[in-house]
Amino acid sequence: MDVQEYMQLLKANQLICTLSLRERLGFVRDGQLPFFASMVMNSDVCRRYWARFGDLRAQEAEGDERAERFTDALNRAAHAHSHEHPAAA
C-alpha cells in the first residue's frame, strides 16, 4: 500500500471511529445510525476502507451487541451503496 492510500484510509478510519464514539456516547439517536452510516459510505475512501478492513472490524465487534449493531449498520450501508453505484464499487 502506498503512502497516499494509507493516509486516506487512516482518515476514513478516523471518521468511522468518530461516528462510533458519538453513537456510544448517545449523540446518535435511535434510528439515526442507518442515516449516518449511509452518509459515511457516500465517501469513496470510506467504502475502500470498509472493503479492506470491514471483516476485521466485524471480528473485533463479536460479542459486543452495540458494536455488532454499529458494524451491521455500516455493512448494510456499504452494501446498499455498492448496489446503487455498481460502476463506482
C-alpha atoms as a PDB file:
ATOM      1  CA  MET A   1       0.000   0.000   0.000  1.00  0.00           C
ATOM      2  CA  ASP A   2       1.435   3.354  -0.931  1.00  0.00           C
ATOM      3  CA  VAL A   3       1.643   6.267   1.497  1.00  0.00           C
ATOM      4  CA  GLN A   4      -1.152   8.250  -0.187  1.00  0.00           C
ATOM      5  CA  GLU A   5      -3.610   5.338   0.099  1.00  0.00           C
ATOM      6  CA  TYR A   6      -2.549   4.663   3.679  1.00  0.00           C
ATOM      7  CA  MET A   7      -3.199   8.284   4.671  1.00  0.00           C
ATOM      8  CA  GLN A   8      -6.613   8.264   3.002  1.00  0.00           C
ATOM      9  CA  LEU A   9      -7.631   5.014   4.689  1.00  0.00           C
ATOM     10  CA  LEU A  10      -6.392   6.352   8.020  1.00  0.00           C
ATOM     11  CA  LYS A  11      -8.696   9.373   7.621  1.00  0.00           C
ATOM     12  CA  ALA A  12     -11.604   7.061   6.760  1.00  0.00           C
ATOM     13  CA  ASN A  13     -10.887   5.056   9.919  1.00  0.00           C
ATOM     14  CA  GLN A  14     -10.860   8.286  11.911  1.00  0.00           C
ATOM     15  CA  LEU A  15     -14.275   9.268  10.528  1.00  0.00           C
ATOM     16  CA  ILE A  16     -15.749   5.832  11.293  1.00  0.00           C
ATOM     17  CA  CYS A  17     -14.262   5.875  14.814  1.00  0.00           C
ATOM     18  CA  THR A  18     -15.716   9.328  15.407  1.00  0.00           C
ATOM     19  CA  LEU A  19     -19.162   8.119  14.393  1.00  0.00           C
ATOM     20  CA  SER A  20     -18.744   5.060  16.622  1.00  0.00           C
ATOM     21  CA  LEU A  21     -17.783   7.225  19.585  1.00  0.00           C
ATOM     22  CA  ARG A  22     -20.706   9.592  19.024  1.00  0.00           C
ATOM     23  CA  GLU A  23     -23.040   6.585  18.883  1.00  0.00           C
ATOM     24  CA  ARG A  24     -21.587   5.098  22.092  1.00  0.00           C
ATOM     25  CA  LEU A  25     -21.914   8.419  23.912  1.00  0.00           C
ATOM     26  CA  GLY A  26     -25.582   8.642  22.950  1.00  0.00           C
ATOM     27  CA  PHE A  27     -25.273  11.533  20.490  1.00  0.00           C
ATOM     28  CA  VAL A  28     -26.773   9.399  17.716  1.00  0.00           C
ATOM     29  CA  ARG A  29     -30.444   8.871  18.499  1.00  0.00           C
ATOM     30  CA  ASP A  30     -32.348   5.671  17.743  1.00  0.00           C
ATOM     31  CA  GLY A  31     -32.990   5.398  14.048  1.00  0.00           C
ATOM     32  CA  GLN A  32     -30.243   7.846  13.054  1.00  0.00           C
ATOM     33  CA  LEU A  33     -27.441   5.295  12.764  1.00  0.00           C
ATOM     34  CA  PRO A  34     -28.507   3.996   9.315  1.00  0.00           C
ATOM     35  CA  PHE A  35     -28.619   7.588   8.035  1.00  0.00           C
ATOM     36  CA  PHE A  36     -25.139   8.420   9.353  1.00  0.00           C
ATOM     37  CA  ALA A  37     -23.748   5.095   8.120  1.00  0.00           C
ATOM     38  CA  SER A  38     -25.116   5.879   4.667  1.00  0.00           C
ATOM     39  CA  MET A  39     -23.531   9.323   4.749  1.00  0.00           C
ATOM     40  CA  VAL A  40     -20.166   7.802   5.686  1.00  0.00           C
ATOM     41  CA  MET A  41     -20.425   5.265   2.867  1.00  0.00           C
ATOM     42  CA  ASN A  42     -21.093   8.025   0.355  1.00  0.00           C
ATOM     43  CA  SER A  43     -17.352   8.587   0.565  1.00  0.00           C
ATOM     44  CA  ASP A  44     -15.279   6.503  -1.843  1.00  0.00           C
ATOM     45  CA  VAL A  45     -12.391   6.310   0.616  1.00  0.00           C
ATOM     46  CA  CYS A  46     -14.685   5.065   3.386  1.00  0.00           C
ATOM     47  CA  ARG A  47     -16.009   2.353   1.077  1.00  0.00           C
ATOM     48  CA  ARG A  48     -12.440   1.356   0.196  1.00  0.00           C
ATOM     49  CA  TYR A  49     -11.560   1.261   3.893  1.00  0.00           C
ATOM     50  CA  TRP A  50     -14.624  -0.852   4.674  1.00  0.00           C
ATOM     51  CA  ALA A  51     -13.906  -3.254   1.796  1.00  0.00           C
ATOM     52  CA  ARG A  52     -10.413  -3.779   3.148  1.00  0.00           C
ATOM     53  CA  PHE A  53     -11.000  -3.756   6.922  1.00  0.00           C
ATOM     54  CA  GLY A  54     -14.746  -4.299   7.432  1.00  0.00           C
ATOM     55  CA  ASP A  55     -14.321  -8.021   8.116  1.00  0.00           C
ATOM     56  CA  LEU A  56     -11.681  -7.279  10.735  1.00  0.00           C
ATOM     57  CA  ARG A  57     -13.961  -4.730  12.390  1.00  0.00           C
ATOM     58  CA  ALA A  58     -16.778  -7.308  12.419  1.00  0.00           C
ATOM     59  CA  GLN A  59     -14.481  -9.817  14.141  1.00  0.00           C
ATOM     60  CA  GLU A  60     -13.493  -7.203  16.721  1.00  0.00           C
ATOM     61  CA  ALA A  61     -17.186  -6.462  17.376  1.00  0.00           C
ATOM     62  CA  GLU A  62     -18.165 -10.074  18.076  1.00  0.00           C
ATOM     63  CA  GLY A  63     -19.762 -10.455  21.490  1.00  0.00           C
ATOM     64  CA  ASP A  64     -20.438  -6.716  21.915  1.00  0.00           C
ATOM     65  CA  GLU A  65     -24.071  -6.170  20.945  1.00  0.00           C
ATOM     66  CA  ARG A  66     -23.679  -2.446  20.458  1.00  0.00           C
ATOM     67  CA  ALA A  67     -20.523  -2.815  18.340  1.00  0.00           C
ATOM     68  CA  GLU A  68     -22.192  -5.563  16.302  1.00  0.00           C
ATOM     69  CA  ARG A  69     -25.177  -3.285  15.632  1.00  0.00           C
ATOM     70  CA  PHE A  70     -22.834  -0.466  14.572  1.00  0.00           C
ATOM     71  CA  THR A  71     -20.832  -2.756  12.284  1.00  0.00           C
ATOM     72  CA  ASP A  72     -24.018  -4.187  10.797  1.00  0.00           C
ATOM     73  CA  ALA A  73     -25.282  -0.690  10.013  1.00  0.00           C
ATOM     74  CA  LEU A  74     -22.043   0.146   8.196  1.00  0.00           C
ATOM     75  CA  ASN A  75     -22.133  -3.182   6.334  1.00  0.00           C
ATOM     76  CA  ARG A  76     -25.704  -2.545   5.180  1.00  0.00           C
ATOM     77  CA  ALA A  77     -24.842   0.994   4.079  1.00  0.00           C
ATOM     78  CA  ALA A  78     -21.769  -0.183   2.161  1.00  0.00           C
ATOM     79  CA  HIS A  79     -23.762  -2.978   0.535  1.00  0.00           C
ATOM     80  CA  ALA A  80     -26.615  -0.625  -0.407  1.00  0.00           C
ATOM     81  CA  HIS A  81     -24.203   1.890  -1.874  1.00  0.00           C
ATOM     82  CA  SER A  82     -22.450  -0.763  -3.969  1.00  0.00           C
ATOM     83  CA  HIS A  83     -25.845  -1.779  -5.429  1.00  0.00           C
ATOM     84  CA  GLU A  84     -26.823   1.849  -6.140  1.00  0.00           C
ATOM     85  CA  HIS A  85     -23.487   2.688  -7.792  1.00  0.00           C
ATOM     86  CA  PRO A  86     -22.066  -0.554  -9.227  1.00  0.00           C
ATOM     87  CA  ALA A  87     -19.624   1.252 -11.533  1.00  0.00           C
ATOM     88  CA  ALA A  88     -18.044   3.082  -8.576  1.00  0.00           C
ATOM     89  CA  ALA A  89     -17.573  -0.073  -6.483  1.00  0.00           C
END
